[in-house]
Amino acid sequence: MSPLGLLLDVDGPIASPISRTIATPSIVTDLITLAAGHVPIAFITGRSAGFIREQVVAPLVAAGLPQNFRMYGVCEKGAVWFPIERHGMGEVVVDRAVALPAAVIDEVRHLVTQSFATEMFFDETKQAMISVEQRTDVSHADFRARQPEFNTAAYAILVKHGLGVRLNGLESPDTSGRIRFRLDATIISTDIESITLDKDHAAKRALDYFARRGPLPRLWRSVGDSRSDYRMADHLHEAGYDVSHVDVRPSDGLLDRPYPVIVIGDQIHDEAGATFLRYWVKKLALPA
């Protein structure tokens, strides 16, 4: 058994937020080396199962995953999950109870197409949440300039449908007084999601999967580029594990936590992610 376990966000530490692909080849080879060294690895992400299949799992399979390893994916912040096996993804499970109504999905899609298509696109691969993402052929500044306007318009759609929604300091409860959904603006997207979804719940699901397949290490590292990613480490800490969180975009400000928070020098995003993975390949003395 490896002494280490990993919970990894995808956008930022693994996939470049610019290209939306694994742009650093050593990330693929080091993930395979760590998996072969029996390190349980979970990808905990807001991305869709389709994105992980194409941009993460396919490169790993092509490079040659080992015979025996533990790897898991929890997508859409906990709404979708699946094992990752030597020849690809296993059965994909979707929690339909947290999905948005089809009428709302259609109306938000129409909003993007009619008013915001120059800067962003509607992610058709999502199965439970809505994501509207920056186009790769426009500048980040142009996307961010339009994002607040989109957020306000999307919030109005959910209010109109009486769903109970939160956007920053704004709240519009449903008829029973509940808030059921939130708009979460990231550096490259706006996600519309159930308030029950978050990375602490996703982390618990991944650990439960690993525990059914063997003993768990006591030492864990979580890695991410946003404040919500700290919740992976929050769950591990509360469950009694020895955990540190690696923040690969510390410019947002490091959060005060009862466990160590690590930054990789002046490196950020997938450059920092690659350095982190290579460090553990060497520390565990795994054959590269």
Protein backbone atom coordinates (compact mmCIF):
# COMPACT_ATOMS: atom_id res chain seq x y z
CA MET A 1 0.00 0.00 0.00
CA SER A 2 1.23 3.48 -0.80
CA PRO A 3 1.62 5.92 2.12
CA LEU A 4 0.00 8.66 -0.04
CA GLY A 5 -3.39 9.41 -1.55
CA LEU A 6 -4.29 12.22 -3.96
CA LEU A 7 -7.45 14.24 -4.60
CA LEU A 8 -6.90 16.39 -7.69
CA ASP A 9 -8.89 19.18 -9.25
CA VAL A 10 -8.55 19.04 -13.04
CA ASP A 11 -8.73 22.60 -14.44
CA GLY A 12 -5.57 24.29 -13.26
CA PRO A 13 -3.34 21.65 -11.67
CA ILE A 14 -3.80 18.96 -14.36
CA ALA A 15 -5.32 20.58 -17.46
CA SER A 16 -4.20 23.99 -18.65
CA PRO A 17 -6.91 26.62 -18.11
CA ILE A 18 -5.80 28.12 -21.43
CA SER A 19 -5.81 25.08 -23.73
CA ARG A 20 -8.23 22.97 -21.57
CA THR A 21 -5.96 19.98 -22.22
CA ILE A 22 -3.07 18.27 -20.43
CA ALA A 23 -0.39 20.44 -21.99
CA THR A 24 2.55 19.17 -19.89
CA PRO A 25 3.49 15.59 -20.92
CA SER A 26 5.12 14.75 -17.57
CA ILE A 27 1.73 15.07 -15.88
CA VAL A 28 0.47 12.00 -17.76
CA THR A 29 3.58 9.91 -17.17
CA ASP A 30 3.80 10.86 -13.49
CA LEU A 31 0.11 10.08 -12.88
CA ILE A 32 0.68 6.64 -14.39
CA THR A 33 3.83 6.13 -12.28
CA LEU A 34 1.98 7.12 -9.10
CA ALA A 35 -0.96 4.85 -9.98
CA ALA A 36 1.45 1.96 -10.58
CA GLY A 37 2.91 2.73 -7.13
CA HIS A 38 -0.57 2.07 -5.66
CA VAL A 39 -1.32 5.72 -4.88
CA PRO A 40 -5.13 6.09 -4.91
CA ILE A 41 -5.91 9.02 -7.22
CA ALA A 42 -9.26 10.77 -7.57
CA PHE A 43 -10.10 13.57 -9.98
CA ILE A 44 -12.56 15.84 -8.15
CA THR A 45 -13.86 18.37 -10.65
CA GLY A 46 -16.69 20.51 -11.88
CA ARG A 47 -15.98 19.22 -15.37
CA SER A 48 -18.22 16.71 -17.11
CA ALA A 49 -17.59 12.99 -17.51
CA GLY A 50 -17.24 13.58 -21.26
CA PHE A 51 -14.48 16.13 -20.71
CA ILE A 52 -12.59 13.81 -18.33
CA ARG A 53 -12.98 10.92 -20.77
CA GLU A 54 -11.46 12.88 -23.64
CA GLN A 55 -8.91 15.14 -21.95
CA VAL A 56 -7.70 13.04 -19.01
CA VAL A 57 -8.60 9.36 -19.29
CA ALA A 58 -7.83 8.98 -23.01
CA PRO A 59 -4.22 10.28 -22.65
CA LEU A 60 -3.69 8.03 -19.61
CA VAL A 61 -5.00 4.96 -21.44
CA ALA A 62 -2.93 5.79 -24.53
CA ALA A 63 0.21 6.07 -22.39
CA GLY A 64 -0.50 2.74 -20.69
CA LEU A 65 -2.18 2.46 -17.30
CA PRO A 66 -0.94 -0.36 -15.02
CA GLN A 67 -2.72 -3.63 -14.36
CA ASN A 68 -3.64 -2.89 -10.75
CA PHE A 69 -4.43 0.59 -9.48
CA ARG A 70 -7.14 2.69 -7.82
CA MET A 71 -8.35 5.71 -9.77
CA TYR A 72 -11.74 7.41 -9.63
CA GLY A 73 -13.56 10.41 -11.06
CA VAL A 74 -16.19 12.58 -9.41
CA CYS A 75 -17.50 15.19 -11.85
CA GLU A 76 -19.90 18.12 -11.74
CA LYS A 77 -18.85 18.68 -8.10
CA GLY A 78 -20.38 15.41 -6.96
CA ALA A 79 -23.34 14.84 -9.31
CA VAL A 80 -21.55 12.32 -11.58
CA TRP A 81 -19.07 9.57 -10.67
CA PHE A 82 -17.26 6.57 -12.18
CA PRO A 83 -14.24 4.30 -11.76
CA ILE A 84 -11.27 4.67 -14.09
CA GLU A 85 -9.96 1.34 -15.32
CA ARG A 86 -7.05 0.19 -17.45
CA HIS A 87 -9.02 0.47 -20.70
CA GLY A 88 -11.02 3.57 -19.84
CA MET A 89 -13.93 4.77 -17.74
CA GLY A 90 -16.27 2.34 -16.06
CA GLU A 91 -19.98 2.86 -15.49
CA VAL A 92 -20.95 6.53 -15.23
CA VAL A 93 -23.59 7.26 -12.58
CA VAL A 94 -25.59 10.51 -12.62
CA ASP A 95 -27.55 11.84 -9.64
CA ARG A 96 -30.66 13.07 -11.43
CA ALA A 97 -32.13 14.39 -8.16
CA VAL A 98 -29.82 17.42 -8.30
CA ALA A 99 -30.27 18.19 -12.01
CA LEU A 100 -31.85 21.40 -13.28
CA PRO A 101 -35.21 21.22 -15.12
CA ALA A 102 -35.00 20.77 -18.87
CA ALA A 103 -36.93 23.99 -19.48
CA VAL A 104 -34.35 26.01 -17.54
CA ILE A 105 -31.47 24.33 -19.37
CA ASP A 106 -33.09 25.18 -22.72
CA GLU A 107 -33.69 28.79 -21.74
CA VAL A 108 -30.12 29.33 -20.53
CA ARG A 109 -28.80 27.72 -23.72
CA HIS A 110 -30.96 30.11 -25.77
CA LEU A 111 -29.67 33.06 -23.72
CA VAL A 112 -26.07 32.14 -24.50
CA THR A 113 -26.75 31.56 -28.19
CA GLN A 114 -28.65 34.79 -28.68
CA SER A 115 -26.74 37.23 -26.49
CA PHE A 116 -23.35 35.90 -25.35
CA ALA A 117 -22.06 33.57 -28.08
CA THR A 118 -19.19 35.90 -28.98
CA GLU A 119 -17.50 35.41 -25.60
CA MET A 120 -18.80 32.10 -24.23
CA PHE A 121 -20.40 28.77 -25.08
CA PHE A 122 -22.93 26.44 -23.48
CA ASP A 123 -21.30 23.19 -22.33
CA GLU A 124 -23.48 20.46 -23.86
CA THR A 125 -21.60 17.68 -22.05
CA LYS A 126 -22.95 18.47 -18.57
CA GLN A 127 -25.54 16.00 -17.26
CA ALA A 128 -26.75 17.57 -14.00
CA MET A 129 -25.53 21.16 -13.83
CA ILE A 130 -25.22 24.01 -16.33
CA SER A 131 -21.84 25.42 -17.31
CA VAL A 132 -21.27 28.36 -19.60
CA GLU A 133 -17.60 28.69 -20.46
CA GLN A 134 -15.18 31.19 -21.98
CA ARG A 135 -14.44 30.50 -25.63
CA THR A 136 -10.80 29.65 -26.24
CA ASP A 137 -10.59 32.10 -29.16
CA VAL A 138 -11.46 35.19 -27.10
CA SER A 139 -9.43 36.99 -24.47
CA HIS A 140 -9.96 36.37 -20.78
CA ALA A 141 -10.62 40.09 -20.34
CA ASP A 142 -13.43 40.03 -22.91
CA PHE A 143 -15.05 37.03 -21.21
CA ARG A 144 -14.79 38.55 -17.73
CA ALA A 145 -16.27 41.82 -18.99
CA ARG A 146 -19.47 40.03 -20.10
CA GLN A 147 -19.66 37.43 -17.33
CA PRO A 148 -21.50 39.60 -14.75
CA GLU A 149 -24.15 40.49 -17.34
CA PHE A 150 -24.65 36.83 -18.15
CA ASN A 151 -24.84 35.91 -14.46
CA THR A 152 -27.57 38.47 -13.86
CA ALA A 153 -29.59 37.27 -16.85
CA ALA A 154 -29.23 33.60 -15.89
CA TYR A 155 -30.20 34.38 -12.29
CA ALA A 156 -33.38 36.04 -13.60
CA ILE A 157 -34.27 32.86 -15.52
CA LEU A 158 -34.05 30.71 -12.40
CA VAL A 159 -36.04 33.26 -10.41
CA LYS A 160 -38.73 33.24 -13.10
CA HIS A 161 -38.99 29.46 -12.80
CA GLY A 162 -39.26 29.71 -9.01
CA LEU A 163 -36.34 27.40 -8.32
CA GLY A 164 -34.83 29.14 -5.29
CA VAL A 165 -31.46 30.55 -6.33
CA ARG A 166 -28.42 32.39 -4.95
CA LEU A 167 -25.97 34.67 -6.75
CA ASN A 168 -23.32 36.29 -4.57
CA GLY A 169 -25.35 38.30 -2.02
CA LEU A 170 -28.66 37.94 -3.89
CA GLU A 171 -31.18 35.27 -2.91
CA SER A 172 -34.60 34.38 -4.27
CA PRO A 173 -36.18 31.49 -2.30
CA ASP A 174 -38.68 29.10 -3.84
CA THR A 175 -42.28 28.90 -2.62
CA SER A 176 -41.24 26.81 0.40
CA GLY A 177 -38.57 29.32 1.36
CA ARG A 178 -35.63 27.21 0.20
CA ILE A 179 -32.55 28.03 -1.84
CA ARG A 180 -31.93 25.04 -4.11
CA PHE A 181 -29.44 26.29 -6.69
CA ARG A 182 -26.52 28.73 -6.91
CA LEU A 183 -24.54 30.47 -9.61
CA ASP A 184 -20.80 29.96 -9.11
CA ALA A 185 -18.54 32.19 -11.22
CA THR A 186 -15.04 30.82 -11.88
CA ILE A 187 -12.16 32.32 -13.87
CA ILE A 188 -13.29 30.57 -17.07
CA SER A 189 -16.98 29.76 -16.54
CA THR A 190 -20.22 30.24 -14.68
CA ASP A 191 -21.72 27.09 -13.17
CA ILE A 192 -25.38 26.78 -12.21
CA GLU A 193 -25.67 23.93 -9.73
CA SER A 194 -27.50 22.43 -6.80
CA ILE A 195 -26.37 23.84 -3.46
CA THR A 196 -25.91 20.22 -2.29
CA LEU A 197 -22.97 19.83 -4.67
CA ASP A 198 -19.48 20.61 -3.46
CA LYS A 199 -16.03 19.13 -3.34
CA ASP A 200 -16.19 17.91 0.26
CA HIS A 201 -19.09 15.62 -0.65
CA ALA A 202 -17.26 14.57 -3.82
CA ALA A 203 -14.14 13.79 -1.77
CA LYS A 204 -16.17 11.58 0.58
CA ARG A 205 -17.55 9.62 -2.36
CA ALA A 206 -14.05 9.03 -3.72
CA LEU A 207 -12.70 7.87 -0.36
CA ASP A 208 -15.66 5.52 0.10
CA TYR A 209 -14.87 3.98 -3.30
CA PHE A 210 -11.18 3.54 -2.46
CA ALA A 211 -11.99 2.06 0.98
CA ARG A 212 -14.12 -0.67 -0.61
CA ARG A 213 -11.08 -1.75 -2.60
CA GLY A 214 -8.38 -1.77 0.02
CA PRO A 215 -6.91 0.05 3.01
CA LEU A 216 -6.56 3.82 2.82
CA PRO A 217 -3.32 5.71 3.44
CA ARG A 218 -3.21 8.16 6.33
CA LEU A 219 -1.34 10.81 4.34
CA TRP A 220 -3.25 12.79 1.68
CA ARG A 221 -2.69 15.76 -0.57
CA SER A 222 -5.46 17.71 -2.30
CA VAL A 223 -4.59 20.05 -5.16
CA GLY A 224 -6.67 22.82 -6.71
CA ASP A 225 -6.78 26.35 -8.10
CA SER A 226 -9.86 27.81 -6.42
CA ARG A 227 -11.14 28.36 -2.92
CA SER A 228 -13.80 25.68 -3.30
CA ASP A 229 -11.01 23.14 -3.78
CA TYR A 230 -10.01 23.54 -0.14
CA ARG A 231 -13.15 21.59 0.73
CA MET A 232 -11.45 18.39 -0.41
CA ALA A 233 -8.86 18.88 2.32
CA ASP A 234 -11.57 20.02 4.76
CA HIS A 235 -13.23 16.62 4.45
CA LEU A 236 -9.96 14.73 4.85
CA HIS A 237 -9.02 16.77 7.91
CA GLU A 238 -12.42 16.32 9.54
CA ALA A 239 -12.21 12.57 8.85
CA GLY A 240 -8.92 12.43 10.77
CA TYR A 241 -6.40 12.10 7.96
CA ASP A 242 -3.01 13.81 7.75
CA VAL A 243 -3.67 16.26 4.92
CA SER A 244 -2.15 19.31 3.26
CA HIS A 245 -3.75 21.31 0.46
CA VAL A 246 -1.75 22.56 -2.52
CA ASP A 247 -3.05 25.85 -3.93
CA VAL A 248 -1.82 26.34 -7.50
CA ARG A 249 -3.43 29.77 -7.88
CA PRO A 250 -2.62 31.53 -4.61
CA SER A 251 -3.21 35.00 -6.06
CA ASP A 252 -6.82 34.73 -4.85
CA GLY A 253 -5.43 34.61 -1.29
CA LEU A 254 -4.60 31.58 0.79
CA LEU A 255 -7.33 30.43 3.15
CA ASP A 256 -6.67 30.00 6.86
CA ARG A 257 -7.05 26.31 7.60
CA PRO A 258 -6.13 23.96 10.49
CA TYR A 259 -3.93 21.96 8.09
CA PRO A 260 -0.90 23.09 6.04
CA VAL A 261 -1.50 24.99 2.80
CA ILE A 262 1.29 24.62 0.24
CA VAL A 263 2.28 26.75 -2.74
CA ILE A 264 4.83 25.67 -5.37
CA GLY A 265 7.19 28.66 -5.34
CA ASP A 266 6.11 31.15 -7.99
CA GLN A 267 4.64 28.45 -10.25
CA ILE A 268 0.90 28.34 -10.91
CA HIS A 269 -1.69 26.13 -12.64
CA ASP A 270 -0.44 23.04 -14.49
CA GLU A 271 3.20 24.09 -14.18
CA ALA A 272 2.80 23.86 -10.41
CA GLY A 273 0.77 20.65 -10.78
CA ALA A 274 3.55 19.04 -12.81
CA THR A 275 6.17 20.01 -10.23
CA PHE A 276 4.01 18.62 -7.42
CA LEU A 277 3.51 15.25 -9.14
CA ARG A 278 7.20 14.91 -10.03
CA TYR A 279 8.12 15.69 -6.38
CA TRP A 280 6.06 12.74 -5.16
CA VAL A 281 7.36 10.36 -7.82
CA LYS A 282 10.85 11.12 -6.53
CA LYS A 283 9.92 11.16 -2.82
CA LEU A 284 8.25 7.75 -3.06
CA ALA A 285 11.25 6.49 -5.07
CA LEU A 286 8.98 5.21 -7.81
CA PRO A 287 10.54 4.08 -11.10
CA ALA A 288 9.75 6.74 -13.71
